[in-house]
Amino acid sequence: MGDDGRGSCGGEDVSDVDCQEAVRQLYVYLDGELTEERRLQIAVHLDECGPCADAAGFEAELRAVVSSRCKDRVPDSLIARVAAAIAAEAAHSDPGRTSGIA
């Protein structure tokens, strides 16, 4: 951490965002849930701060691995039962409706 306690990885501030803030907002950054201005501020920090960029790269790669490995196939029978339950609920809520999901 820098002498000011802000957590700058390189010993000096490289952007308007310090390392603690960059790491704290890393997940919302990776999820694309920041304002454009804040996303750009974090991106500048990551471009200029190797340790934070490494952390962001690791998290992005981990997400990709988890996403590629966790693709359970939902059985067709379950899909059919859920669709039938939704259609029955819709028909119950609107007795004039005769078809399935609109």
PDB file of N, CA and C in Angstrom:
ATOM      1  N   MET A   1       0.834  -1.183   0.000  1.00  0.00           N
ATOM      2  CA  MET A   1       0.000   0.000   0.000  1.00  0.00           C
ATOM      3  C   MET A   1       0.869   1.232   0.000  1.00  0.00           C
ATOM      4  N   GLY A   2       0.367   2.286  -0.614  1.00  0.00           N
ATOM      5  CA  GLY A   2       1.091   3.544  -0.606  1.00  0.00           C
ATOM      6  C   GLY A   2       1.063   4.170   0.777  1.00  0.00           C
ATOM      7  N   ASP A   3       1.865   5.213   0.979  1.00  0.00           N
ATOM      8  CA  ASP A   3       1.955   5.858   2.282  1.00  0.00           C
ATOM      9  C   ASP A   3       0.652   6.507   2.710  1.00  0.00           C
ATOM     10  N   ASP A   4      -0.210   6.838   1.764  1.00  0.00           N
ATOM     11  CA  ASP A   4      -1.459   7.505   2.128  1.00  0.00           C
ATOM     12  C   ASP A   4      -2.550   6.527   2.556  1.00  0.00           C
ATOM     13  N   GLY A   5      -2.266   5.218   2.506  1.00  0.00           N
ATOM     14  CA  GLY A   5      -3.224   4.222   2.940  1.00  0.00           C
ATOM     15  C   GLY A   5      -4.304   3.922   1.921  1.00  0.00           C
ATOM     16  N   ARG A   6      -4.208   4.507   0.738  1.00  0.00           N
ATOM     17  CA  ARG A   6      -5.231   4.296  -0.283  1.00  0.00           C
ATOM     18  C   ARG A   6      -5.057   2.976  -1.000  1.00  0.00           C
ATOM     19  N   GLY A   7      -3.883   2.351  -0.914  1.00  0.00           N
ATOM     20  CA  GLY A   7      -3.704   1.051  -1.524  1.00  0.00           C
ATOM     21  C   GLY A   7      -3.234   1.101  -2.951  1.00  0.00           C
ATOM     22  N   SER A   8      -2.414   2.058  -3.327  1.00  0.00           N
ATOM     23  CA  SER A   8      -1.906   2.134  -4.679  1.00  0.00           C
ATOM     24  C   SER A   8      -0.826   1.085  -4.880  1.00  0.00           C
ATOM     25  N   CYS A   9      -0.997   0.196  -5.849  1.00  0.00           N
ATOM     26  CA  CYS A   9      -0.060  -0.904  -6.072  1.00  0.00           C
ATOM     27  C   CYS A   9       1.327  -0.431  -6.467  1.00  0.00           C
ATOM     28  N   GLY A  10       1.416   0.604  -7.259  1.00  0.00           N
ATOM     29  CA  GLY A  10       2.707   1.034  -7.766  1.00  0.00           C
ATOM     30  C   GLY A  10       3.383   2.070  -6.900  1.00  0.00           C
ATOM     31  N   GLY A  11       2.827   2.391  -5.767  1.00  0.00           N
ATOM     32  CA  GLY A  11       3.443   3.389  -4.908  1.00  0.00           C
ATOM     33  C   GLY A  11       2.990   4.799  -5.220  1.00  0.00           C
ATOM     34  N   GLU A  12       2.405   5.009  -6.372  1.00  0.00           N
ATOM     35  CA  GLU A  12       1.847   6.312  -6.711  1.00  0.00           C
ATOM     36  C   GLU A  12       0.517   6.107  -7.404  1.00  0.00           C
ATOM     37  N   ASP A  13      -0.356   7.088  -7.301  1.00  0.00           N
ATOM     38  CA  ASP A  13      -1.670   6.962  -7.915  1.00  0.00           C
ATOM     39  C   ASP A  13      -1.530   6.979  -9.427  1.00  0.00           C
ATOM     40  N   VAL A  14      -2.111   5.978 -10.096  1.00  0.00           N
ATOM     41  CA  VAL A  14      -2.014   5.894 -11.542  1.00  0.00           C
ATOM     42  C   VAL A  14      -3.308   6.326 -12.221  1.00  0.00           C
ATOM     43  N   SER A  15      -4.336   6.540 -11.459  1.00  0.00           N
ATOM     44  CA  SER A  15      -5.613   6.990 -12.009  1.00  0.00           C
ATOM     45  C   SER A  15      -6.411   7.631 -10.885  1.00  0.00           C
ATOM     46  N   ASP A  16      -7.653   7.981 -11.196  1.00  0.00           N
ATOM     47  CA  ASP A  16      -8.545   8.537 -10.175  1.00  0.00           C
ATOM     48  C   ASP A  16      -9.046   7.458  -9.223  1.00  0.00           C
ATOM     49  N   VAL A  17      -8.687   6.204  -9.476  1.00  0.00           N
ATOM     50  CA  VAL A  17      -9.143   5.072  -8.691  1.00  0.00           C
ATOM     51  C   VAL A  17      -7.939   4.437  -8.023  1.00  0.00           C
ATOM     52  N   ASP A  18      -8.023   4.195  -6.710  1.00  0.00           N
ATOM     53  CA  ASP A  18      -6.927   3.489  -6.045  1.00  0.00           C
ATOM     54  C   ASP A  18      -7.181   1.987  -6.107  1.00  0.00           C
ATOM     55  N   CYS A  19      -6.199   1.215  -5.698  1.00  0.00           N
ATOM     56  CA  CYS A  19      -6.276  -0.243  -5.810  1.00  0.00           C
ATOM     57  C   CYS A  19      -7.408  -0.834  -4.979  1.00  0.00           C
ATOM     58  N   GLN A  20      -7.598  -0.334  -3.779  1.00  0.00           N
ATOM     59  CA  GLN A  20      -8.678  -0.862  -2.945  1.00  0.00           C
ATOM     60  C   GLN A  20     -10.027  -0.673  -3.622  1.00  0.00           C
ATOM     61  N   GLU A  21     -10.236   0.478  -4.211  1.00  0.00           N
ATOM     62  CA  GLU A  21     -11.495   0.765  -4.897  1.00  0.00           C
ATOM     63  C   GLU A  21     -11.625  -0.096  -6.154  1.00  0.00           C
ATOM     64  N   ALA A  22     -10.542  -0.244  -6.900  1.00  0.00           N
ATOM     65  CA  ALA A  22     -10.574  -1.065  -8.117  1.00  0.00           C
ATOM     66  C   ALA A  22     -10.935  -2.507  -7.779  1.00  0.00           C
ATOM     67  N   VAL A  23     -10.304  -3.052  -6.744  1.00  0.00           N
ATOM     68  CA  VAL A  23     -10.584  -4.432  -6.351  1.00  0.00           C
ATOM     69  C   VAL A  23     -11.999  -4.553  -5.797  1.00  0.00           C
ATOM     70  N   ARG A  24     -12.430  -3.569  -5.017  1.00  0.00           N
ATOM     71  CA  ARG A  24     -13.778  -3.597  -4.448  1.00  0.00           C
ATOM     72  C   ARG A  24     -14.846  -3.602  -5.541  1.00  0.00           C
ATOM     73  N   GLN A  25     -14.591  -2.901  -6.648  1.00  0.00           N
ATOM     74  CA  GLN A  25     -15.581  -2.811  -7.725  1.00  0.00           C
ATOM     75  C   GLN A  25     -15.293  -3.766  -8.882  1.00  0.00           C
ATOM     76  N   LEU A  26     -14.347  -4.670  -8.690  1.00  0.00           N
ATOM     77  CA  LEU A  26     -13.946  -5.573  -9.762  1.00  0.00           C
ATOM     78  C   LEU A  26     -15.104  -6.408 -10.288  1.00  0.00           C
ATOM     79  N   TYR A  27     -15.920  -6.957  -9.399  1.00  0.00           N
ATOM     80  CA  TYR A  27     -17.008  -7.832  -9.841  1.00  0.00           C
ATOM     81  C   TYR A  27     -18.072  -7.063 -10.616  1.00  0.00           C
ATOM     82  N   VAL A  28     -18.443  -5.885 -10.158  1.00  0.00           N
ATOM     83  CA  VAL A  28     -19.439  -5.114 -10.904  1.00  0.00           C
ATOM     84  C   VAL A  28     -18.840  -4.603 -12.214  1.00  0.00           C
ATOM     85  N   TYR A  29     -17.527  -4.372 -12.225  1.00  0.00           N
ATOM     86  CA  TYR A  29     -16.845  -4.000 -13.467  1.00  0.00           C
ATOM     87  C   TYR A  29     -16.930  -5.152 -14.466  1.00  0.00           C
ATOM     88  N   LEU A  30     -16.586  -6.360 -14.022  1.00  0.00           N
ATOM     89  CA  LEU A  30     -16.620  -7.529 -14.898  1.00  0.00           C
ATOM     90  C   LEU A  30     -18.043  -7.865 -15.337  1.00  0.00           C
ATOM     91  N   ASP A  31     -19.025  -7.556 -14.506  1.00  0.00           N
ATOM     92  CA  ASP A  31     -20.427  -7.804 -14.846  1.00  0.00           C
ATOM     93  C   ASP A  31     -20.994  -6.733 -15.769  1.00  0.00           C
ATOM     94  N   GLY A  32     -20.239  -5.650 -16.001  1.00  0.00           N
ATOM     95  CA  GLY A  32     -20.717  -4.568 -16.857  1.00  0.00           C
ATOM     96  C   GLY A  32     -21.808  -3.740 -16.214  1.00  0.00           C
ATOM     97  N   GLU A  33     -21.784  -3.630 -14.883  1.00  0.00           N
ATOM     98  CA  GLU A  33     -22.862  -2.949 -14.166  1.00  0.00           C
ATOM     99  C   GLU A  33     -22.456  -1.571 -13.637  1.00  0.00           C
ATOM    100  N   LEU A  34     -21.408  -0.992 -14.184  1.00  0.00           N
ATOM    101  CA  LEU A  34     -20.978   0.339 -13.763  1.00  0.00           C
ATOM    102  C   LEU A  34     -21.433   1.372 -14.785  1.00  0.00           C
ATOM    103  N   THR A  35     -21.495   2.623 -14.346  1.00  0.00           N
ATOM    104  CA  THR A  35     -21.746   3.691 -15.306  1.00  0.00           C
ATOM    105  C   THR A  35     -20.561   3.742 -16.265  1.00  0.00           C
ATOM    106  N   GLU A  36     -20.761   4.323 -17.423  1.00  0.00           N
ATOM    107  CA  GLU A  36     -19.689   4.426 -18.417  1.00  0.00           C
ATOM    108  C   GLU A  36     -18.483   5.167 -17.831  1.00  0.00           C
ATOM    109  N   GLU A  37     -18.737   6.246 -17.113  1.00  0.00           N
ATOM    110  CA  GLU A  37     -17.644   7.025 -16.520  1.00  0.00           C
ATOM    111  C   GLU A  37     -16.846   6.179 -15.521  1.00  0.00           C
ATOM    112  N   ARG A  38     -17.543   5.472 -14.655  1.00  0.00           N
ATOM    113  CA  ARG A  38     -16.855   4.660 -13.642  1.00  0.00           C
ATOM    114  C   ARG A  38     -16.124   3.488 -14.286  1.00  0.00           C
ATOM    115  N   ARG A  39     -16.740   2.887 -15.312  1.00  0.00           N
ATOM    116  CA  ARG A  39     -16.096   1.791 -16.022  1.00  0.00           C
ATOM    117  C   ARG A  39     -14.773   2.260 -16.642  1.00  0.00           C
ATOM    118  N   LEU A  40     -14.793   3.453 -17.224  1.00  0.00           N
ATOM    119  CA  LEU A  40     -13.564   3.993 -17.817  1.00  0.00           C
ATOM    120  C   LEU A  40     -12.502   4.271 -16.752  1.00  0.00           C
ATOM    121  N   GLN A  41     -12.923   4.775 -15.587  1.00  0.00           N
ATOM    122  CA  GLN A  41     -11.964   5.026 -14.503  1.00  0.00           C
ATOM    123  C   GLN A  41     -11.306   3.728 -14.043  1.00  0.00           C
ATOM    124  N   ILE A  42     -12.096   2.685 -13.875  1.00  0.00           N
ATOM    125  CA  ILE A  42     -11.548   1.388 -13.458  1.00  0.00           C
ATOM    126  C   ILE A  42     -10.649   0.839 -14.562  1.00  0.00           C
ATOM    127  N   ALA A  43     -11.074   0.964 -15.818  1.00  0.00           N
ATOM    128  CA  ALA A  43     -10.274   0.466 -16.942  1.00  0.00           C
ATOM    129  C   ALA A  43      -8.916   1.156 -17.000  1.00  0.00           C
ATOM    130  N   VAL A  44      -8.881   2.457 -16.768  1.00  0.00           N
ATOM    131  CA  VAL A  44      -7.605   3.189 -16.754  1.00  0.00           C
ATOM    132  C   VAL A  44      -6.713   2.642 -15.652  1.00  0.00           C
ATOM    133  N   HIS A  45      -7.283   2.430 -14.483  1.00  0.00           N
ATOM    134  CA  HIS A  45      -6.496   1.886 -13.377  1.00  0.00           C
ATOM    135  C   HIS A  45      -5.945   0.505 -13.748  1.00  0.00           C
ATOM    136  N   LEU A  46      -6.788  -0.355 -14.306  1.00  0.00           N
ATOM    137  CA  LEU A  46      -6.341  -1.699 -14.670  1.00  0.00           C
ATOM    138  C   LEU A  46      -5.273  -1.666 -15.762  1.00  0.00           C
ATOM    139  N   ASP A  47      -5.381  -0.705 -16.676  1.00  0.00           N
ATOM    140  CA  ASP A  47      -4.374  -0.562 -17.730  1.00  0.00           C
ATOM    141  C   ASP A  47      -3.011  -0.165 -17.166  1.00  0.00           C
ATOM    142  N   GLU A  48      -3.030   0.585 -16.065  1.00  0.00           N
ATOM    143  CA  GLU A  48      -1.797   1.149 -15.529  1.00  0.00           C
ATOM    144  C   GLU A  48      -1.267   0.420 -14.297  1.00  0.00           C
ATOM    145  N   CYS A  49      -2.025  -0.498 -13.730  1.00  0.00           N
ATOM    146  CA  CYS A  49      -1.630  -1.166 -12.492  1.00  0.00           C
ATOM    147  C   CYS A  49      -1.564  -2.673 -12.726  1.00  0.00           C
ATOM    148  N   GLY A  50      -0.376  -3.197 -12.840  1.00  0.00           N
ATOM    149  CA  GLY A  50      -0.178  -4.609 -13.114  1.00  0.00           C
ATOM    150  C   GLY A  50      -0.838  -5.551 -12.129  1.00  0.00           C
ATOM    151  N   PRO A  51      -0.639  -5.369 -10.814  1.00  0.00           N
ATOM    152  CA  PRO A  51      -1.268  -6.293  -9.859  1.00  0.00           C
ATOM    153  C   PRO A  51      -2.796  -6.311  -9.942  1.00  0.00           C
ATOM    154  N   CYS A  52      -3.406  -5.165 -10.111  1.00  0.00           N
ATOM    155  CA  CYS A  52      -4.867  -5.126 -10.231  1.00  0.00           C
ATOM    156  C   CYS A  52      -5.317  -5.737 -11.560  1.00  0.00           C
ATOM    157  N   ALA A  53      -4.567  -5.484 -12.627  1.00  0.00           N
ATOM    158  CA  ALA A  53      -4.874  -6.083 -13.927  1.00  0.00           C
ATOM    159  C   ALA A  53      -4.764  -7.597 -13.855  1.00  0.00           C
ATOM    160  N   ASP A  54      -3.748  -8.096 -13.134  1.00  0.00           N
ATOM    161  CA  ASP A  54      -3.613  -9.544 -12.955  1.00  0.00           C
ATOM    162  C   ASP A  54      -4.813 -10.119 -12.211  1.00  0.00           C
ATOM    163  N   ALA A  55      -5.257  -9.423 -11.170  1.00  0.00           N
ATOM    164  CA  ALA A  55      -6.423  -9.881 -10.405  1.00  0.00           C
ATOM    165  C   ALA A  55      -7.662  -9.900 -11.290  1.00  0.00           C
ATOM    166  N   ALA A  56      -7.839  -8.860 -12.098  1.00  0.00           N
ATOM    167  CA  ALA A  56      -9.001  -8.798 -12.989  1.00  0.00           C
ATOM    168  C   ALA A  56      -8.933  -9.909 -14.031  1.00  0.00           C
ATOM    169  N   GLY A  57      -7.751 -10.146 -14.566  1.00  0.00           N
ATOM    170  CA  GLY A  57      -7.589 -11.216 -15.548  1.00  0.00           C
ATOM    171  C   GLY A  57      -7.890 -12.577 -14.960  1.00  0.00           C
ATOM    172  N   PHE A  58      -7.409 -12.807 -13.736  1.00  0.00           N
ATOM    173  CA  PHE A  58      -7.677 -14.077 -13.059  1.00  0.00           C
ATOM    174  C   PHE A  58      -9.171 -14.276 -12.852  1.00  0.00           C
ATOM    175  N   GLU A  59      -9.848 -13.251 -12.350  1.00  0.00           N
ATOM    176  CA  GLU A  59     -11.286 -13.354 -12.099  1.00  0.00           C
ATOM    177  C   GLU A  59     -12.061 -13.583 -13.395  1.00  0.00           C
ATOM    178  N   ALA A  60     -11.677 -12.889 -14.467  1.00  0.00           N
ATOM    179  CA  ALA A  60     -12.356 -13.066 -15.747  1.00  0.00           C
ATOM    180  C   ALA A  60     -12.151 -14.486 -16.269  1.00  0.00           C
ATOM    181  N   GLU A  61     -10.921 -15.000 -16.146  1.00  0.00           N
ATOM    182  CA  GLU A  61     -10.637 -16.362 -16.600  1.00  0.00           C
ATOM    183  C   GLU A  61     -11.380 -17.389 -15.752  1.00  0.00           C
ATOM    184  N   LEU A  62     -11.414 -17.170 -14.437  1.00  0.00           N
ATOM    185  CA  LEU A  62     -12.140 -18.074 -13.552  1.00  0.00           C
ATOM    186  C   LEU A  62     -13.619 -18.124 -13.911  1.00  0.00           C
ATOM    187  N   ARG A  63     -14.201 -16.974 -14.185  1.00  0.00           N
ATOM    188  CA  ARG A  63     -15.612 -16.926 -14.583  1.00  0.00           C
ATOM    189  C   ARG A  63     -15.839 -17.702 -15.876  1.00  0.00           C
ATOM    190  N   ALA A  64     -14.924 -17.560 -16.821  1.00  0.00           N
ATOM    191  CA  ALA A  64     -15.060 -18.267 -18.093  1.00  0.00           C
ATOM    192  C   ALA A  64     -14.995 -19.778 -17.889  1.00  0.00           C
ATOM    193  N   VAL A  65     -14.085 -20.236 -17.034  1.00  0.00           N
ATOM    194  CA  VAL A  65     -13.951 -21.664 -16.765  1.00  0.00           C
ATOM    195  C   VAL A  65     -15.210 -22.190 -16.079  1.00  0.00           C
ATOM    196  N   VAL A  66     -15.666 -21.490 -15.060  1.00  0.00           N
ATOM    197  CA  VAL A  66     -16.868 -21.919 -14.342  1.00  0.00           C
ATOM    198  C   VAL A  66     -18.063 -21.949 -15.293  1.00  0.00           C
ATOM    199  N   SER A  67     -18.185 -20.932 -16.115  1.00  0.00           N
ATOM    200  CA  SER A  67     -19.301 -20.866 -17.053  1.00  0.00           C
ATOM    201  C   SER A  67     -19.258 -22.016 -18.054  1.00  0.00           C
ATOM    202  N   SER A  68     -18.073 -22.348 -18.542  1.00  0.00           N
ATOM    203  CA  SER A  68     -17.976 -23.409 -19.542  1.00  0.00           C
ATOM    204  C   SER A  68     -18.176 -24.796 -18.939  1.00  0.00           C
ATOM    205  N   ARG A  69     -17.888 -24.942 -17.669  1.00  0.00           N
ATOM    206  CA  ARG A  69     -17.997 -26.254 -17.017  1.00  0.00           C
ATOM    207  C   ARG A  69     -19.363 -26.492 -16.378  1.00  0.00           C
ATOM    208  N   CYS A  70     -20.099 -25.455 -16.118  1.00  0.00           N
ATOM    209  CA  CYS A  70     -21.368 -25.574 -15.392  1.00  0.00           C
ATOM    210  C   CYS A  70     -22.541 -25.373 -16.334  1.00  0.00           C
ATOM    211  N   LYS A  71     -22.678 -26.280 -17.265  1.00  0.00           N
ATOM    212  CA  LYS A  71     -23.780 -26.187 -18.220  1.00  0.00           C
ATOM    213  C   LYS A  71     -24.633 -27.440 -18.109  1.00  0.00           C
ATOM    214  N   ASP A  72     -25.405 -27.505 -17.053  1.00  0.00           N
ATOM    215  CA  ASP A  72     -26.293 -28.642 -16.867  1.00  0.00           C
ATOM    216  C   ASP A  72     -27.440 -28.559 -17.863  1.00  0.00           C
ATOM    217  N   ARG A  73     -27.774 -29.669 -18.415  1.00  0.00           N
ATOM    218  CA  ARG A  73     -28.875 -29.764 -19.368  1.00  0.00           C
ATOM    219  C   ARG A  73     -30.152 -30.052 -18.585  1.00  0.00           C
ATOM    220  N   VAL A  74     -31.164 -29.235 -18.810  1.00  0.00           N
ATOM    221  CA  VAL A  74     -32.460 -29.437 -18.162  1.00  0.00           C
ATOM    222  C   VAL A  74     -33.215 -30.486 -18.973  1.00  0.00           C
ATOM    223  N   PRO A  75     -33.694 -31.538 -18.322  1.00  0.00           N
ATOM    224  CA  PRO A  75     -34.425 -32.590 -19.049  1.00  0.00           C
ATOM    225  C   PRO A  75     -35.673 -32.033 -19.732  1.00  0.00           C
ATOM    226  N   ASP A  76     -35.948 -32.554 -20.941  1.00  0.00           N
ATOM    227  CA  ASP A  76     -37.128 -32.127 -21.689  1.00  0.00           C
ATOM    228  C   ASP A  76     -38.415 -32.346 -20.899  1.00  0.00           C
ATOM    229  N   SER A  77     -38.454 -33.424 -20.108  1.00  0.00           N
ATOM    230  CA  SER A  77     -39.658 -33.703 -19.321  1.00  0.00           C
ATOM    231  C   SER A  77     -39.906 -32.604 -18.290  1.00  0.00           C
ATOM    232  N   LEU A  78     -38.838 -32.070 -17.700  1.00  0.00           N
ATOM    233  CA  LEU A  78     -38.999 -30.983 -16.737  1.00  0.00           C
ATOM    234  C   LEU A  78     -39.465 -29.713 -17.433  1.00  0.00           C
ATOM    235  N   ILE A  79     -38.900 -29.435 -18.602  1.00  0.00           N
ATOM    236  CA  ILE A  79     -39.323 -28.255 -19.372  1.00  0.00           C
ATOM    237  C   ILE A  79     -40.809 -28.358 -19.704  1.00  0.00           C
ATOM    238  N   ALA A  80     -41.244 -29.546 -20.114  1.00  0.00           N
ATOM    239  CA  ALA A  80     -42.657 -29.750 -20.456  1.00  0.00           C
ATOM    240  C   ALA A  80     -43.552 -29.573 -19.233  1.00  0.00           C
ATOM    241  N   ARG A  81     -43.121 -30.102 -18.076  1.00  0.00           N
ATOM    242  CA  ARG A  81     -43.934 -29.971 -16.858  1.00  0.00           C
ATOM    243  C   ARG A  81     -44.039 -28.513 -16.422  1.00  0.00           C
ATOM    244  N   VAL A  82     -42.954 -27.781 -16.506  1.00  0.00           N
ATOM    245  CA  VAL A  82     -42.985 -26.359 -16.125  1.00  0.00           C
ATOM    246  C   VAL A  82     -43.888 -25.586 -17.082  1.00  0.00           C
ATOM    247  N   ALA A  83     -43.763 -25.855 -18.379  1.00  0.00           N
ATOM    248  CA  ALA A  83     -44.606 -25.166 -19.360  1.00  0.00           C
ATOM    249  C   ALA A  83     -46.081 -25.475 -19.113  1.00  0.00           C
ATOM    250  N   ALA A  84     -46.395 -26.742 -18.799  1.00  0.00           N
ATOM    251  CA  ALA A  84     -47.780 -27.127 -18.516  1.00  0.00           C
ATOM    252  C   ALA A  84     -48.288 -26.428 -17.255  1.00  0.00           C
ATOM    253  N   ALA A  85     -47.454 -26.338 -16.235  1.00  0.00           N
ATOM    254  CA  ALA A  85     -47.857 -25.668 -14.991  1.00  0.00           C
ATOM    255  C   ALA A  85     -48.102 -24.185 -15.237  1.00  0.00           C
ATOM    256  N   ILE A  86     -47.266 -23.567 -16.058  1.00  0.00           N
ATOM    257  CA  ILE A  86     -47.454 -22.135 -16.372  1.00  0.00           C
ATOM    258  C   ILE A  86     -48.744 -21.950 -17.157  1.00  0.00           C
ATOM    259  N   ALA A  87     -48.987 -22.834 -18.131  1.00  0.00           N
ATOM    260  CA  ALA A  87     -50.208 -22.741 -18.927  1.00  0.00           C
ATOM    261  C   ALA A  87     -51.448 -22.948 -18.062  1.00  0.00           C
ATOM    262  N   ALA A  88     -51.374 -23.903 -17.131  1.00  0.00           N
ATOM    263  CA  ALA A  88     -52.513 -24.155 -16.243  1.00  0.00           C
ATOM    264  C   ALA A  88     -52.764 -22.954 -15.347  1.00  0.00           C
ATOM    265  N   GLU A  89     -51.699 -22.361 -14.834  1.00  0.00           N
ATOM    266  CA  GLU A  89     -51.847 -21.173 -13.979  1.00  0.00           C
ATOM    267  C   GLU A  89     -52.420 -20.008 -14.772  1.00  0.00           C
ATOM    268  N   ALA A  90     -51.959 -19.841 -16.012  1.00  0.00           N
ATOM    269  CA  ALA A  90     -52.470 -18.761 -16.857  1.00  0.00           C
ATOM    270  C   ALA A  90     -53.946 -18.982 -17.168  1.00  0.00           C
ATOM    271  N   ALA A  91     -54.333 -20.234 -17.454  1.00  0.00           N
ATOM    272  CA  ALA A  91     -55.742 -20.537 -17.744  1.00  0.00           C
ATOM    273  C   ALA A  91     -56.606 -20.319 -16.509  1.00  0.00           C
ATOM    274  N   HIS A  92     -56.067 -20.648 -15.347  1.00  0.00           N
ATOM    275  CA  HIS A  92     -56.797 -20.452 -14.092  1.00  0.00           C
ATOM    276  C   HIS A  92     -56.991 -18.965 -13.809  1.00  0.00           C
ATOM    277  N   SER A  93     -55.955 -18.165 -14.109  1.00  0.00           N
ATOM    278  CA  SER A  93     -56.022 -16.717 -13.865  1.00  0.00           C
ATOM    279  C   SER A  93     -56.912 -16.013 -14.878  1.00  0.00           C
ATOM    280  N   ASP A  94     -56.977 -16.540 -16.116  1.00  0.00           N
ATOM    281  CA  ASP A  94     -57.762 -15.946 -17.196  1.00  0.00           C
ATOM    282  C   ASP A  94     -58.579 -17.044 -17.866  1.00  0.00           C
ATOM    283  N   PRO A  95     -59.774 -17.357 -17.333  1.00  0.00           N
ATOM    284  CA  PRO A  95     -60.568 -18.481 -17.832  1.00  0.00           C
ATOM    285  C   PRO A  95     -60.894 -18.380 -19.326  1.00  0.00           C
ATOM    286  N   GLY A  96     -60.876 -17.203 -19.923  1.00  0.00           N
ATOM    287  CA  GLY A  96     -61.172 -17.054 -21.337  1.00  0.00           C
ATOM    288  C   GLY A  96     -60.025 -17.482 -22.222  1.00  0.00           C
ATOM    289  N   ARG A  97     -58.856 -17.654 -21.669  1.00  0.00           N
ATOM    290  CA  ARG A  97     -57.668 -18.033 -22.434  1.00  0.00           C
ATOM    291  C   ARG A  97     -57.691 -19.552 -22.628  1.00  0.00           C
ATOM    292  N   THR A  98     -57.555 -19.986 -23.871  1.00  0.00           N
ATOM    293  CA  THR A  98     -57.577 -21.418 -24.146  1.00  0.00           C
ATOM    294  C   THR A  98     -56.221 -21.942 -24.589  1.00  0.00           C
ATOM    295  N   SER A  99     -55.354 -21.064 -25.042  1.00  0.00           N
ATOM    296  CA  SER A  99     -54.034 -21.509 -25.501  1.00  0.00           C
ATOM    297  C   SER A  99     -53.045 -21.458 -24.340  1.00  0.00           C
ATOM    298  N   GLY A 100     -51.850 -21.888 -24.623  1.00  0.00           N
ATOM    299  CA  GLY A 100     -50.776 -21.876 -23.619  1.00  0.00           C
ATOM    300  C   GLY A 100     -50.269 -20.485 -23.376  1.00  0.00           C
ATOM    301  N   ILE A 101     -48.984 -20.354 -23.310  1.00  0.00           N
ATOM    302  CA  ILE A 101     -48.337 -19.078 -22.991  1.00  0.00           C
ATOM    303  C   ILE A 101     -48.478 -18.129 -24.168  1.00  0.00           C
ATOM    304  N   ALA A 102     -48.856 -16.891 -23.868  1.00  0.00           N
ATOM    305  CA  ALA A 102     -49.062 -15.895 -24.933  1.00  0.00           C
ATOM    306  C   ALA A 102     -47.751 -15.326 -25.393  1.00  0.00           C
TER     307      ALA A 102
END
